[in-house]
Amino acid sequence: MQKSILSFFGLLLFVLLSLPVHAQNLSVQKVKAADITYVLNNIRSTHKTETANFIVNVYAVANKRGSAKQSGSDEVTDHLYIAISSFDENPQQLLFVIKDVYGPSAIKMIKQSEEAIQLSFYYMQKGKRKFFTTVIKQDGLHQ
C-alpha cells in the first residue's frame, strides 16, 4: 500500500514536471500617443486617497512655458486631473480636469466618509491667493 502511494506521487510529480512551461516574453514598445506622453512627462505632483468603495488620484500636470501669461516670465499654469475609480471587477472610471490653475499649492484630499472625499487647494488669481474646494464622490465632483 505504501509502495502504491509512493508510486502515485512519483507519477504525479513526473506529470507535473513534464507539463509544458510557457515563458513570458516581455517586450518594450514606444508609446506614440503624444497626449499621454506629454502628461506623464510633466506630472509635478500626485495625490491619492481612497475609501472602501473608490480611489481618487489627483495629478498636477505642468502646461507649456509661459502659460501663466505673466509679463516677462515663463511661468506655467497646471492642469489638475482628477481620476476616480471604483473597486469593482469592471470598475467605473471617470476623469475630470481643472484647467489652467496658476500656482496650485497645499493640495489636500480628506476622506469625509466612505462615500465622499474633499479636495482642496490654494491657487493664485490676479495676484491674490484664492481657495478652491470640492467634494468627490464615486459618480463625480460635487461643488
Protein backbone atom coordinates (compact mmCIF):
# COMPACT_ATOMS: atom_id res chain seq x y z
CA MET A 1 0.00 0.00 0.00
CA GLN A 2 2.77 2.39 0.94
CA LYS A 3 4.56 1.47 -2.26
CA SER A 4 1.48 2.28 -4.38
CA ILE A 5 1.11 5.69 -2.68
CA LEU A 6 4.77 6.46 -3.37
CA SER A 7 4.32 5.33 -6.97
CA PHE A 8 1.25 7.55 -7.34
CA PHE A 9 3.10 10.61 -6.02
CA GLY A 10 6.11 9.79 -8.20
CA LEU A 11 3.86 9.59 -11.26
CA LEU A 12 2.10 12.82 -10.27
CA LEU A 13 5.45 14.59 -9.87
CA PHE A 14 6.59 13.31 -13.27
CA VAL A 15 3.39 14.56 -14.94
CA LEU A 16 3.65 17.98 -13.30
CA LEU A 17 7.30 18.36 -14.27
CA SER A 18 6.67 17.33 -17.86
CA LEU A 19 3.86 19.82 -18.47
CA PRO A 20 4.98 22.50 -20.90
CA VAL A 21 6.13 25.66 -19.20
CA HIS A 22 5.44 28.81 -21.12
CA ALA A 23 7.89 31.60 -20.53
CA GLN A 24 6.55 35.12 -20.65
CA ASN A 25 8.15 37.14 -23.42
CA LEU A 26 8.36 40.75 -22.33
CA SER A 27 8.81 43.49 -24.86
CA VAL A 28 9.29 47.22 -24.64
CA GLN A 29 7.27 49.35 -27.02
CA LYS A 30 7.45 53.05 -27.73
CA VAL A 31 4.24 54.92 -26.87
CA LYS A 32 3.22 57.07 -29.81
CA ALA A 33 0.26 58.89 -28.24
CA ALA A 34 1.51 62.47 -27.86
CA ASP A 35 -1.08 63.49 -25.26
CA ILE A 36 -0.31 60.70 -22.79
CA THR A 37 3.43 61.14 -23.38
CA TYR A 38 3.15 64.85 -22.54
CA VAL A 39 1.03 64.25 -19.44
CA LEU A 40 3.27 61.57 -17.97
CA ASN A 41 6.44 63.58 -18.60
CA ASN A 42 5.05 66.72 -16.99
CA ILE A 43 3.44 65.45 -13.78
CA ARG A 44 4.56 67.77 -10.99
CA SER A 45 2.74 66.12 -8.10
CA THR A 46 0.37 63.28 -7.35
CA HIS A 47 -2.09 62.82 -4.52
CA LYS A 48 -4.03 59.68 -3.70
CA THR A 49 -6.87 58.89 -1.28
CA GLU A 50 -9.28 56.00 -1.12
CA THR A 51 -12.42 54.88 0.63
CA ALA A 52 -13.81 51.37 0.89
CA ASN A 53 -15.68 51.95 -2.39
CA PHE A 54 -13.43 54.01 -4.66
CA ILE A 55 -10.00 55.58 -5.14
CA VAL A 56 -9.11 59.12 -6.24
CA ASN A 57 -5.81 60.21 -7.81
CA VAL A 58 -5.06 63.89 -8.46
CA TYR A 59 -2.25 64.74 -10.86
CA ALA A 60 -0.89 68.28 -11.24
CA VAL A 61 0.49 68.49 -14.78
CA ALA A 62 2.56 71.48 -15.94
CA ASN A 63 1.40 73.31 -19.05
CA LYS A 64 3.71 74.80 -21.67
CA ARG A 65 6.19 77.59 -20.85
CA GLY A 66 4.55 80.98 -20.48
CA SER A 67 1.06 79.54 -19.98
CA ALA A 68 0.56 81.71 -16.87
CA LYS A 69 0.74 84.78 -19.15
CA GLN A 70 2.72 86.75 -16.61
CA SER A 71 4.57 89.51 -18.43
CA GLY A 72 8.31 89.00 -18.56
CA SER A 73 8.23 85.42 -17.25
CA ASP A 74 7.97 81.86 -18.47
CA GLU A 75 5.82 80.78 -15.51
CA VAL A 76 3.37 77.98 -16.13
CA THR A 77 -0.11 77.01 -15.07
CA ASP A 78 -1.11 73.46 -14.26
CA HIS A 79 -3.98 71.26 -15.27
CA LEU A 80 -5.27 69.25 -12.29
CA TYR A 81 -6.52 65.85 -13.44
CA ILE A 82 -8.88 64.05 -11.05
CA ALA A 83 -9.15 60.31 -11.71
CA ILE A 84 -11.89 58.36 -9.91
CA SER A 85 -12.14 54.57 -10.00
CA SER A 86 -14.37 52.10 -8.17
CA PHE A 87 -13.00 48.81 -6.88
CA ASP A 88 -15.40 46.60 -8.89
CA GLU A 89 -14.38 43.79 -11.22
CA ASN A 90 -15.35 46.12 -14.07
CA PRO A 91 -14.63 49.46 -12.38
CA GLN A 92 -16.44 52.64 -13.23
CA GLN A 93 -13.66 55.08 -14.10
CA LEU A 94 -14.05 58.82 -14.54
CA LEU A 95 -11.56 61.58 -15.36
CA PHE A 96 -12.04 65.31 -14.76
CA VAL A 97 -9.72 68.25 -15.34
CA ILE A 98 -9.46 71.70 -13.78
CA LYS A 99 -7.58 73.70 -16.40
CA ASP A 100 -5.03 76.47 -16.14
CA VAL A 101 -4.58 76.62 -12.37
CA TYR A 102 -1.89 79.17 -11.54
CA GLY A 103 0.32 78.34 -8.57
CA PRO A 104 -1.64 75.46 -7.00
CA SER A 105 -0.40 74.72 -3.50
CA ALA A 106 -1.37 72.80 -0.37
CA ILE A 107 -3.35 70.24 -2.36
CA LYS A 108 -5.21 68.08 0.17
CA MET A 109 -7.70 65.27 -0.03
CA ILE A 110 -9.58 64.42 3.14
CA LYS A 111 -11.87 61.42 3.41
CA GLN A 112 -15.16 62.68 4.82
CA SER A 113 -16.91 59.28 4.72
CA GLU A 114 -16.83 56.08 2.70
CA GLU A 115 -18.84 57.96 0.04
CA ALA A 116 -17.04 61.31 -0.12
CA ILE A 117 -13.56 62.84 -0.30
CA GLN A 118 -12.96 66.58 -0.03
CA LEU A 119 -10.37 68.06 -2.40
CA SER A 120 -9.00 71.50 -1.56
CA PHE A 121 -6.07 73.68 -2.65
CA TYR A 122 -4.88 77.27 -2.93
CA TYR A 123 -4.14 79.00 -6.23
CA MET A 124 -3.27 82.47 -7.49
CA GLN A 125 -5.64 84.74 -9.39
CA LYS A 126 -4.74 88.32 -10.33
CA GLY A 127 -2.02 88.41 -7.69
CA LYS A 128 -4.29 87.20 -4.89
CA ARG A 129 -4.33 83.84 -3.18
CA LYS A 130 -7.67 82.04 -3.59
CA PHE A 131 -9.06 78.83 -2.12
CA PHE A 132 -10.82 76.05 -4.04
CA THR A 133 -12.75 73.13 -2.59
CA THR A 134 -14.99 70.40 -3.99
CA VAL A 135 -16.40 67.07 -2.86
CA ILE A 136 -15.54 63.96 -4.85
CA LYS A 137 -17.89 61.02 -4.89
CA GLN A 138 -17.78 57.79 -6.85
CA ASP A 139 -20.05 59.32 -9.52
CA GLY A 140 -18.05 62.56 -9.92
CA LEU A 141 -17.41 66.00 -8.43
CA HIS A 142 -19.98 67.91 -6.40
CA GLN A 143 -19.44 71.59 -5.66
